[in-house]
Each structure stands twice: as C-alpha cells, then as structure tokens.
Amino acid sequence: MALRTARRSSLVDQVIGQLRAEIAGGSWPVGAKIPPEPALSETLGVGRNTVREAVRALTHAGLLESRQGDGTYVRATSELSGAVRRGLETAELVEILEVRRGLEVEAARLAAARRTDTDTAAIAIALARRDAAWAAGEHATFVEADLAFHTAVVEATHNRVLTDLYRGFSAALRASIGAAGVLLEHADVPHGPIAAAIEAGDADAATRATHACLDEILASADRVSHE
C-alpha cells in the first residue's frame, strides 16, 4: 500500500509539473481557460482522478481558479504571483500605485543597464501600440497596451523573480491603470522618455522618467481619495 501511494503521488506531481510548465511558459496565459478534465486526461495519458488532484493542488496554490459551471481558469503564473494577487484583492488604489511605483522604477533602472537590442525593440513596439490606442480613444485597448509596455520594461531586466512578481501584479495593475486614466481626466502621461532612457542605457534618466510618471498618477489618485 505504501509503494502504491508513493507511485500515485509521484504521478500527480508529474502532472502538476506539466500543467505548471504550460502556465509558466505562456501556453495558458493569465485569464485563459484551461482544457477540460477529460481532454487533459487523454492528452497526458493519466486517469481523470490524477488530473483532478493536480488541478486541485494548483488551485490551492493560487495558480488556477475553478468557476462553478464554467471551467478552470489561469489565475497566476506561479505560487509567488498567486500569493501577490490574493494580497492585492482588498488593497486600496493608492496602495497598489505606491507598490507599482517601487517595482517599475527599479525595473527601469535595471532595464537600462541590462537591455538587449531585442528588448529595446519590444519596448518601442509596445510604446507605439500604447500611443496609438490612446490617440484612438480606445480605453480598454490602452489599458492593455500600457501594461504591455511596462511588462516589456520589466522583462528587459532579465530578473526572473521581478518578472514573475510583476506578472502576478498584473491583474491589480489593470485596475490601477484604468482608474488612473479616469483620475487624470484622459490626460496621458508620456512614456517616451522612459523608453528613450532605457535604449540609451541611462539608468539615472530611466529612474527619473519612471518616477515622474508614477508620481503624477499617484498624486492624482491621492487627491481624489481625499475629496
């Protein structure tokens, strides 16, 4: 009995590892619905009970979210980001923006020192899409594009912990970016200086530009919270 239990546990662990790899690798991005239990069972070549246990474990870890009558969705890319997201669910907007400022300022500084040509190209593309969405007045698209810009900056740090932490922060960031757009009464905060400083490898300028950007948004949020 002990040996059978050990083998079964190992099999569940293997399935957990494969599902986690799909999530971490981006095959199933945050917000995506994962394949149903029968499909996973067939694909992985294991019993449905094994799949169910693996999904339950990842749900408990905060990576997945089961929605009654709908299916299972990706909630976070890792246990770390899952814990971060849970902690942010009851946070105030100003609190989220304060943490966001800290993460993004440090990310800009590191990105300026570590960026590659591929990174600067990705940042430039993200900036162009962000500016285009703003010019077109497409608010929902702008929120996603703005987040994509900052994510590109974070990824240019080549710091896996910071990148994972920021990805887990993304859900709360979507809300804060959207709220900031309203708070600023549709007055965009230019991000070109951030991209330019990172491309130039100027860590000090990248830090100042990002700090100025987040300071303006945070000041607006703070004013509104006291009205």
Foldseek 3Di string as FASTA:
>chain_A
DVVVVVVLVVLLVVLLVVVLCCDLVVVADAFRFDDALVVSCVVVVHDSVSVVVSQVVCVVLQQWDQDPPPGIHGHANGSLLSVVLVVCPPDDLLVLLVVVLVLLLVLLLLLLQQADPVLLVQLVVLLVQLVVCLVVVPLLSNLVSVLSNSLSSNVSNVPVVSSRNSRSSSVVSSVSSSVLCVLVVSDDQDPVQLSVSSVVSNSVSNSVSSNVSSVVSSVSVVVVVVD
